[in-house]
Each structure stands twice: as C-alpha cells, then as structure tokens.
Amino acid sequence: MMLSRCQRLRIAILISVVGSCSCSPALWNLAADSPRSATAVPESGQLMLFGGSGHRTFLGCLSCSQYSAESVFNTYGRFGSRYQTNSIWNSYSIYGSKYSEYSACNPYATDPPVVVDEYGNYYGRLTVNAYSSERYGSGAVMDWLRQDVCDE
C-alpha cells in the first residue's frame, strides 16, 4: 500500500489521543520537540495556526481531521488549498511565499505563523528556518514543510 506524504508525516509524528477526551482519532502531535513539548496537544486537541500582522489571520487547524473544513490537511478546504489566499500551501500568498516576512516557507521570515491552542497558549512558530529558537515541531515537521508545503 502506497502512503501519501501527508500520511507518512502523520505516521512519523505519531497519533495522540489525550486523556479521556472524546477527541477525534486524527489528533496528531506535531510538536514532538516544540517549546511546550510536555503539553504538545491541548486536551481539546485544537492546535491552530495564525499569521500576518499581529497574528490576527486564522490559517487553519493543525490537529483537526483532514476532513475538517478548517484543517490545513484538507486539500479541498480553504486552509489546505494551494489556491486560497489564507493558506500556507499557496506559494503566491503571503503565508506560503518564499519571500514574505509572514510565511512559513521563507527561511528568513521575521514573523512566520504561530501555533496556539484555543486558550491562546503558544507552541512556537511554523517555519522552515532551522535556526529559529521558536521553531515548532520536530525534524518530521521540517521535512513536511520543506518537501510538501514549500516544495523545496
């Protein structure tokens, strides 16, 4: 059976079902070595991405099922599409460009998207900058960003 890149990323990062919550089995712990690794997935399972000036623009859910309308993994949704303006997958948007200060794909971005939970707890920045002290996630997340999202 051939696995998609998304499926390989999810397997590499491991599934996390937190405590006794009635969370979706698609909660993926994308923060294996993030600044808040001890609590990498909040109890509700909602890890969200925000970008732009003041991080006021919602860019999708990182821990939702790929079938969720808000998931960055839903290629038919507004946050997983390569054609939507508020998508990290759109290489022409300010969130997916290799040149924008707000992009996850710019290794020199000064203000890449942030990962937070629904309570506002900060988990780090989604960026291909390997030297960022605030970089979110493990090597698998970096590989996913570089190879799949940013097409490096």
N, C-alpha and C. Protein backbone atom coordinates (compact mmCIF):
# COMPACT_ATOMS: atom_id res chain seq x y z
N MET A 1 0.84 -1.18 0.00
CA MET A 1 0.00 0.00 0.00
C MET A 1 0.89 1.24 0.00
N MET A 2 0.63 2.16 -0.91
CA MET A 2 1.39 3.40 -1.04
C MET A 2 0.78 4.47 -0.16
N LEU A 3 1.59 5.10 0.69
CA LEU A 3 1.10 6.15 1.58
C LEU A 3 1.41 7.51 0.98
N SER A 4 0.50 8.47 1.18
CA SER A 4 0.74 9.83 0.71
C SER A 4 1.76 10.49 1.63
N ARG A 5 2.30 11.60 1.20
CA ARG A 5 3.25 12.33 2.05
C ARG A 5 2.60 12.76 3.35
N CYS A 6 1.35 13.19 3.26
CA CYS A 6 0.62 13.59 4.46
C CYS A 6 0.50 12.42 5.43
N GLN A 7 0.17 11.26 4.91
CA GLN A 7 0.04 10.08 5.76
C GLN A 7 1.38 9.68 6.37
N ARG A 8 2.45 9.78 5.59
CA ARG A 8 3.77 9.47 6.12
C ARG A 8 4.16 10.45 7.23
N LEU A 9 3.83 11.73 7.04
CA LEU A 9 4.10 12.73 8.08
C LEU A 9 3.35 12.38 9.35
N ARG A 10 2.09 12.07 9.21
CA ARG A 10 1.28 11.77 10.38
C ARG A 10 1.76 10.52 11.10
N ILE A 11 2.19 9.53 10.36
CA ILE A 11 2.72 8.32 10.98
C ILE A 11 4.04 8.64 11.68
N ALA A 12 4.89 9.44 11.04
CA ALA A 12 6.18 9.79 11.62
C ALA A 12 6.03 10.61 12.89
N ILE A 13 4.99 11.39 12.98
CA ILE A 13 4.81 12.28 14.13
C ILE A 13 4.03 11.63 15.26
N LEU A 14 3.30 10.59 14.99
CA LEU A 14 2.52 9.81 15.97
C LEU A 14 1.16 10.42 16.28
N ILE A 15 0.22 9.54 16.51
CA ILE A 15 -1.12 9.97 16.88
C ILE A 15 -1.17 10.20 18.39
N SER A 16 -1.88 11.22 18.81
CA SER A 16 -2.03 11.50 20.24
C SER A 16 -3.51 11.61 20.57
N VAL A 17 -3.96 10.75 21.40
CA VAL A 17 -5.32 10.86 21.93
C VAL A 17 -5.15 11.20 23.39
N VAL A 18 -5.57 12.38 23.76
CA VAL A 18 -5.25 12.92 25.07
C VAL A 18 -6.29 12.53 26.11
N GLY A 19 -5.79 11.94 27.23
CA GLY A 19 -6.62 11.64 28.39
C GLY A 19 -7.90 10.92 28.03
N SER A 20 -8.97 11.34 28.63
CA SER A 20 -10.26 10.70 28.41
C SER A 20 -11.18 11.55 27.54
N CYS A 21 -10.59 12.51 26.83
CA CYS A 21 -11.45 13.36 25.99
C CYS A 21 -12.01 12.55 24.84
N SER A 22 -13.11 13.00 24.31
CA SER A 22 -13.72 12.30 23.18
C SER A 22 -13.19 12.91 21.89
N CYS A 23 -11.86 12.95 21.79
CA CYS A 23 -11.20 13.58 20.67
C CYS A 23 -11.21 12.68 19.44
N SER A 24 -11.10 13.29 18.30
CA SER A 24 -11.01 12.57 17.05
C SER A 24 -9.73 11.73 17.03
N PRO A 25 -9.76 10.55 16.43
CA PRO A 25 -8.54 9.75 16.33
C PRO A 25 -7.51 10.40 15.42
N ALA A 26 -7.86 11.53 14.81
CA ALA A 26 -6.92 12.20 13.91
C ALA A 26 -6.14 13.31 14.60
N LEU A 27 -6.04 13.28 15.93
CA LEU A 27 -5.23 14.28 16.63
C LEU A 27 -3.78 13.88 16.48
N TRP A 28 -3.03 14.69 15.81
CA TRP A 28 -1.63 14.37 15.55
C TRP A 28 -0.75 15.30 16.35
N ASN A 29 0.22 14.75 17.05
CA ASN A 29 1.13 15.54 17.86
C ASN A 29 2.23 16.07 16.96
N LEU A 30 2.03 17.27 16.43
CA LEU A 30 3.01 17.88 15.54
C LEU A 30 4.11 18.60 16.31
N ALA A 31 4.07 18.55 17.62
CA ALA A 31 5.02 19.33 18.41
C ALA A 31 5.96 18.46 19.22
N ALA A 32 6.49 17.43 18.64
CA ALA A 32 7.29 16.46 19.37
C ALA A 32 8.43 17.09 20.16
N ASP A 33 9.06 18.11 19.61
CA ASP A 33 10.11 18.76 20.38
C ASP A 33 9.94 20.27 20.38
N SER A 34 8.69 20.72 20.49
CA SER A 34 8.38 22.14 20.49
C SER A 34 8.64 22.73 21.87
N PRO A 35 8.57 24.07 22.00
CA PRO A 35 8.80 24.69 23.30
C PRO A 35 7.88 24.17 24.40
N ARG A 36 6.69 23.66 24.06
CA ARG A 36 5.76 23.16 25.06
C ARG A 36 5.56 21.66 24.90
N SER A 37 6.64 20.93 24.69
CA SER A 37 6.52 19.51 24.37
C SER A 37 5.82 18.69 25.44
N ALA A 38 5.89 19.12 26.69
CA ALA A 38 5.24 18.37 27.77
C ALA A 38 3.72 18.40 27.61
N THR A 39 3.22 19.45 26.97
CA THR A 39 1.78 19.56 26.74
C THR A 39 1.54 19.87 25.27
N ALA A 40 2.10 19.05 24.40
CA ALA A 40 2.12 19.35 22.98
C ALA A 40 0.75 19.41 22.34
N VAL A 41 -0.21 18.65 22.81
CA VAL A 41 -1.56 18.72 22.28
C VAL A 41 -2.49 19.06 23.43
N PRO A 42 -3.22 20.17 23.32
CA PRO A 42 -4.13 20.53 24.39
C PRO A 42 -5.23 19.50 24.52
N GLU A 43 -5.90 19.48 25.66
CA GLU A 43 -6.92 18.47 25.92
C GLU A 43 -8.00 18.44 24.84
N SER A 44 -8.34 19.60 24.32
CA SER A 44 -9.37 19.65 23.28
C SER A 44 -8.84 19.18 21.94
N GLY A 45 -7.52 19.20 21.77
CA GLY A 45 -6.93 18.78 20.51
C GLY A 45 -6.87 19.85 19.45
N GLN A 46 -7.18 21.08 19.77
CA GLN A 46 -7.19 22.14 18.76
C GLN A 46 -5.88 22.92 18.74
N LEU A 47 -5.00 22.57 17.83
CA LEU A 47 -3.80 23.36 17.58
C LEU A 47 -4.07 24.16 16.31
N MET A 48 -3.99 25.48 16.45
CA MET A 48 -4.38 26.37 15.36
C MET A 48 -3.21 27.22 14.91
N LEU A 49 -3.27 27.65 13.67
CA LEU A 49 -2.23 28.43 13.04
C LEU A 49 -2.76 29.83 12.75
N PHE A 50 -2.00 30.84 13.17
CA PHE A 50 -2.36 32.23 12.91
C PHE A 50 -1.17 32.95 12.32
N GLY A 51 -1.43 33.88 11.39
CA GLY A 51 -0.35 34.60 10.76
C GLY A 51 -0.70 36.03 10.45
N GLY A 52 0.22 36.70 9.80
CA GLY A 52 0.03 38.09 9.41
C GLY A 52 0.36 39.05 10.53
N SER A 53 0.10 40.30 10.28
CA SER A 53 0.38 41.35 11.25
C SER A 53 -0.40 41.12 12.53
N GLY A 54 0.29 41.00 13.64
CA GLY A 54 -0.36 40.76 14.92
C GLY A 54 -0.96 39.37 15.05
N HIS A 55 -0.68 38.50 14.11
CA HIS A 55 -1.19 37.12 14.11
C HIS A 55 -2.70 37.09 14.24
N ARG A 56 -3.38 37.95 13.50
CA ARG A 56 -4.84 38.04 13.55
C ARG A 56 -5.54 37.21 12.49
N THR A 57 -4.79 36.65 11.55
CA THR A 57 -5.40 35.89 10.46
C THR A 57 -5.33 34.40 10.75
N PHE A 58 -6.50 33.77 10.82
CA PHE A 58 -6.58 32.33 11.05
C PHE A 58 -6.15 31.60 9.78
N LEU A 59 -5.18 30.67 9.92
CA LEU A 59 -4.64 29.95 8.77
C LEU A 59 -4.98 28.47 8.79
N GLY A 60 -5.80 28.04 9.75
CA GLY A 60 -6.24 26.66 9.77
C GLY A 60 -5.87 25.92 11.03
N CYS A 61 -6.36 24.70 11.09
CA CYS A 61 -6.16 23.82 12.25
C CYS A 61 -5.13 22.75 11.89
N LEU A 62 -4.11 22.61 12.75
CA LEU A 62 -3.05 21.62 12.52
C LEU A 62 -3.39 20.26 13.09
N SER A 63 -4.32 20.19 14.03
CA SER A 63 -4.60 18.93 14.69
C SER A 63 -5.97 18.36 14.37
N CYS A 64 -6.69 19.01 13.47
CA CYS A 64 -8.01 18.53 13.08
C CYS A 64 -7.90 17.40 12.04
N SER A 65 -8.95 16.65 11.91
CA SER A 65 -9.03 15.62 10.89
C SER A 65 -8.83 16.25 9.51
N GLN A 66 -8.23 15.51 8.61
CA GLN A 66 -8.04 16.03 7.25
C GLN A 66 -9.37 16.29 6.54
N TYR A 67 -10.46 15.82 7.11
CA TYR A 67 -11.78 16.04 6.51
C TYR A 67 -12.47 17.28 7.07
N SER A 68 -11.90 17.88 8.10
CA SER A 68 -12.46 19.09 8.69
C SER A 68 -12.29 20.25 7.71
N ALA A 69 -13.29 21.10 7.64
CA ALA A 69 -13.23 22.27 6.76
C ALA A 69 -12.11 23.22 7.17
N GLU A 70 -11.70 23.18 8.43
CA GLU A 70 -10.66 24.08 8.93
C GLU A 70 -9.26 23.47 8.91
N SER A 71 -9.12 22.25 8.50
CA SER A 71 -7.83 21.55 8.53
C SER A 71 -6.88 22.03 7.44
N VAL A 72 -5.60 22.20 7.79
CA VAL A 72 -4.59 22.52 6.78
C VAL A 72 -4.28 21.30 5.91
N PHE A 73 -4.78 20.13 6.30
CA PHE A 73 -4.57 18.91 5.53
C PHE A 73 -5.72 18.61 4.56
N ASN A 74 -6.76 19.42 4.58
CA ASN A 74 -7.91 19.23 3.69
C ASN A 74 -7.65 19.98 2.39
N THR A 75 -7.23 19.26 1.36
CA THR A 75 -6.87 19.89 0.09
C THR A 75 -8.05 20.57 -0.60
N TYR A 76 -9.27 20.24 -0.20
CA TYR A 76 -10.46 20.86 -0.77
C TYR A 76 -10.97 22.02 0.09
N GLY A 77 -10.38 22.20 1.25
CA GLY A 77 -10.79 23.27 2.15
C GLY A 77 -9.99 24.54 1.89
N ARG A 78 -10.42 25.62 2.50
CA ARG A 78 -9.76 26.91 2.25
C ARG A 78 -8.37 27.01 2.87
N PHE A 79 -8.05 26.19 3.86
CA PHE A 79 -6.74 26.27 4.50
C PHE A 79 -5.75 25.22 4.01
N GLY A 80 -6.23 24.25 3.25
CA GLY A 80 -5.37 23.22 2.70
C GLY A 80 -5.20 23.34 1.20
N SER A 81 -5.84 24.31 0.61
CA SER A 81 -5.80 24.51 -0.83
C SER A 81 -4.57 25.30 -1.26
N ARG A 82 -4.03 24.96 -2.40
CA ARG A 82 -2.90 25.70 -2.96
C ARG A 82 -3.36 26.99 -3.65
N TYR A 83 -4.67 27.26 -3.64
CA TYR A 83 -5.19 28.42 -4.37
C TYR A 83 -5.81 29.49 -3.48
N GLN A 84 -5.99 29.21 -2.21
CA GLN A 84 -6.62 30.17 -1.31
C GLN A 84 -5.58 31.15 -0.75
N THR A 85 -6.00 32.39 -0.53
CA THR A 85 -5.06 33.41 -0.06
C THR A 85 -4.62 33.20 1.38
N ASN A 86 -5.45 32.59 2.21
CA ASN A 86 -5.09 32.35 3.61
C ASN A 86 -4.62 30.92 3.82
N SER A 87 -3.76 30.45 2.95
CA SER A 87 -3.25 29.09 3.03
C SER A 87 -1.73 29.08 2.96
N ILE A 88 -1.11 28.31 3.85
CA ILE A 88 0.35 28.16 3.79
C ILE A 88 0.77 27.37 2.56
N TRP A 89 -0.17 26.67 1.93
CA TRP A 89 0.10 25.86 0.75
C TRP A 89 0.20 26.71 -0.53
N ASN A 90 -0.27 27.96 -0.49
CA ASN A 90 -0.28 28.82 -1.67
C ASN A 90 1.05 29.57 -1.76
N SER A 91 1.88 29.19 -2.69
CA SER A 91 3.21 29.79 -2.81
C SER A 91 3.17 31.24 -3.29
N TYR A 92 1.99 31.73 -3.68
CA TYR A 92 1.83 33.12 -4.09
C TYR A 92 1.20 33.98 -3.00
N SER A 93 0.81 33.37 -1.90
CA SER A 93 0.21 34.12 -0.79
C SER A 93 1.31 34.56 0.17
N ILE A 94 0.99 35.51 1.04
CA ILE A 94 1.99 35.98 1.99
C ILE A 94 2.31 34.92 3.05
N TYR A 95 1.49 33.87 3.14
CA TYR A 95 1.71 32.83 4.14
C TYR A 95 2.46 31.62 3.60
N GLY A 96 2.60 31.52 2.28
CA GLY A 96 3.28 30.39 1.67
C GLY A 96 4.42 30.78 0.74
N SER A 97 4.62 32.07 0.54
CA SER A 97 5.67 32.57 -0.33
C SER A 97 7.05 32.36 0.28
N LYS A 98 8.04 32.18 -0.55
CA LYS A 98 9.42 32.04 -0.06
C LYS A 98 10.03 33.40 0.26
N TYR A 99 9.26 34.48 0.04
CA TYR A 99 9.80 35.82 0.20
C TYR A 99 9.07 36.69 1.23
N SER A 100 7.94 36.26 1.71
CA SER A 100 7.15 37.07 2.63
C SER A 100 7.63 36.94 4.07
N GLU A 101 7.61 38.04 4.79
CA GLU A 101 8.01 38.03 6.20
C GLU A 101 7.05 37.21 7.06
N TYR A 102 5.84 36.96 6.57
CA TYR A 102 4.81 36.22 7.32
C TYR A 102 4.71 34.75 6.92
N SER A 103 5.59 34.30 6.07
CA SER A 103 5.48 32.96 5.50
C SER A 103 6.21 31.88 6.29
N ALA A 104 5.58 30.70 6.32
CA ALA A 104 6.21 29.51 6.90
C ALA A 104 7.33 29.01 5.99
N CYS A 105 7.28 29.40 4.72
CA CYS A 105 8.22 28.89 3.72
C CYS A 105 9.45 29.76 3.49
N ASN A 106 9.51 30.91 4.12
CA ASN A 106 10.65 31.80 3.97
C ASN A 106 11.64 31.53 5.10
N PRO A 107 12.83 31.01 4.77
CA PRO A 107 13.80 30.68 5.83
C PRO A 107 14.33 31.90 6.57
N TYR A 108 14.02 33.10 6.08
CA TYR A 108 14.45 34.33 6.73
C TYR A 108 13.27 35.17 7.22
N ALA A 109 12.10 34.58 7.26
CA ALA A 109 10.89 35.32 7.68
C ALA A 109 11.08 35.90 9.07
N THR A 110 10.66 37.15 9.23
CA THR A 110 10.78 37.81 10.53
C THR A 110 9.57 37.55 11.42
N ASP A 111 8.46 37.13 10.83
CA ASP A 111 7.24 36.93 11.62
C ASP A 111 6.39 35.80 11.04
N PRO A 112 6.93 34.55 11.00
CA PRO A 112 6.17 33.43 10.44
C PRO A 112 4.96 33.07 11.31
N PRO A 113 4.05 32.25 10.80
CA PRO A 113 2.84 31.90 11.55
C PRO A 113 3.15 31.28 12.93
N VAL A 114 2.24 31.52 13.86
CA VAL A 114 2.37 30.96 15.20
C VAL A 114 1.37 29.83 15.38
N VAL A 115 1.73 28.89 16.24
CA VAL A 115 0.87 27.76 16.58
C VAL A 115 0.40 27.99 18.02
N VAL A 116 -0.92 28.02 18.19
CA VAL A 116 -1.52 28.23 19.51
C VAL A 116 -2.67 27.26 19.69
N ASP A 117 -3.08 27.07 20.94
CA ASP A 117 -4.29 26.29 21.18
C ASP A 117 -5.45 27.24 21.37
N GLU A 118 -6.64 26.69 21.59
CA GLU A 118 -7.83 27.53 21.67
C GLU A 118 -7.86 28.45 22.89
N TYR A 119 -6.93 28.22 23.82
CA TYR A 119 -6.84 29.07 25.01
C TYR A 119 -5.76 30.14 24.85
N GLY A 120 -5.11 30.16 23.71
CA GLY A 120 -4.08 31.14 23.45
C GLY A 120 -2.70 30.73 23.89
N ASN A 121 -2.53 29.49 24.34
CA ASN A 121 -1.20 29.01 24.72
C ASN A 121 -0.34 28.88 23.48
N TYR A 122 0.85 29.41 23.56
CA TYR A 122 1.78 29.47 22.44
C TYR A 122 2.64 28.20 22.37
N TYR A 123 2.79 27.63 21.15
CA TYR A 123 3.57 26.42 20.96
C TYR A 123 4.79 26.62 20.08
N GLY A 124 4.91 27.76 19.46
CA GLY A 124 6.05 28.03 18.60
C GLY A 124 5.62 28.59 17.25
N ARG A 125 6.58 28.70 16.35
CA ARG A 125 6.34 29.25 15.01
C ARG A 125 6.52 28.16 13.95
N LEU A 126 5.61 28.14 13.00
CA LEU A 126 5.71 27.20 11.90
C LEU A 126 6.61 27.83 10.85
N THR A 127 7.83 27.33 10.73
CA THR A 127 8.81 27.95 9.84
C THR A 127 9.83 26.92 9.35
N VAL A 128 10.36 27.16 8.16
CA VAL A 128 11.43 26.32 7.64
C VAL A 128 12.80 26.77 8.15
N ASN A 129 12.82 27.83 8.93
CA ASN A 129 14.08 28.33 9.50
C ASN A 129 14.58 27.36 10.56
N ALA A 130 15.58 26.59 10.21
CA ALA A 130 16.13 25.57 11.11
C ALA A 130 16.84 26.16 12.31
N TYR A 131 17.15 27.45 12.26
CA TYR A 131 17.88 28.08 13.34
C TYR A 131 16.99 28.88 14.28
N SER A 132 15.73 28.91 14.02
CA SER A 132 14.80 29.66 14.88
C SER A 132 14.67 28.96 16.23
N SER A 133 14.85 29.71 17.29
CA SER A 133 14.71 29.15 18.64
C SER A 133 13.24 28.89 18.98
N GLU A 134 12.34 29.47 18.20
CA GLU A 134 10.91 29.29 18.44
C GLU A 134 10.27 28.32 17.45
N ARG A 135 11.08 27.64 16.67
CA ARG A 135 10.57 26.73 15.64
C ARG A 135 9.68 25.66 16.26
N TYR A 136 8.56 25.43 15.63
CA TYR A 136 7.58 24.46 16.10
C TYR A 136 7.82 23.10 15.48
N GLY A 137 7.85 22.08 16.30
CA GLY A 137 7.86 20.72 15.80
C GLY A 137 9.24 20.09 15.67
N SER A 138 9.20 18.88 15.18
CA SER A 138 10.39 18.05 15.05
C SER A 138 10.94 18.10 13.63
N GLY A 139 11.95 17.28 13.39
CA GLY A 139 12.51 17.16 12.05
C GLY A 139 11.48 16.72 11.04
N ALA A 140 10.51 15.89 11.46
CA ALA A 140 9.46 15.44 10.55
C ALA A 140 8.60 16.62 10.09
N VAL A 141 8.35 17.57 10.97
CA VAL A 141 7.58 18.76 10.60
C VAL A 141 8.38 19.60 9.61
N MET A 142 9.68 19.75 9.87
CA MET A 142 10.54 20.50 8.94
C MET A 142 10.55 19.83 7.56
N ASP A 143 10.69 18.52 7.53
CA ASP A 143 10.68 17.79 6.26
C ASP A 143 9.37 18.00 5.53
N TRP A 144 8.25 17.92 6.27
CA TRP A 144 6.92 18.13 5.69
C TRP A 144 6.80 19.52 5.10
N LEU A 145 7.23 20.54 5.86
CA LEU A 145 7.17 21.91 5.36
C LEU A 145 8.01 22.06 4.10
N ARG A 146 9.24 21.62 4.16
CA ARG A 146 10.15 21.79 3.03
C ARG A 146 9.70 21.04 1.78
N GLN A 147 9.38 19.76 1.95
CA GLN A 147 9.09 18.90 0.80
C GLN A 147 7.67 19.03 0.27
N ASP A 148 6.71 19.15 1.17
CA ASP A 148 5.32 19.12 0.75
C ASP A 148 4.69 20.51 0.63
N VAL A 149 4.82 21.29 1.66
CA VAL A 149 4.17 22.60 1.68
C VAL A 149 4.94 23.61 0.82
N CYS A 150 6.23 23.70 1.05
CA CYS A 150 7.04 24.74 0.39
C CYS A 150 7.69 24.29 -0.91
N ASP A 151 7.58 23.02 -1.25
CA ASP A 151 8.13 22.48 -2.50
C ASP A 151 9.60 22.82 -2.69
N GLU A 152 10.40 22.65 -1.65
CA GLU A 152 11.84 22.94 -1.79
C GLU A 152 12.54 21.75 -2.40
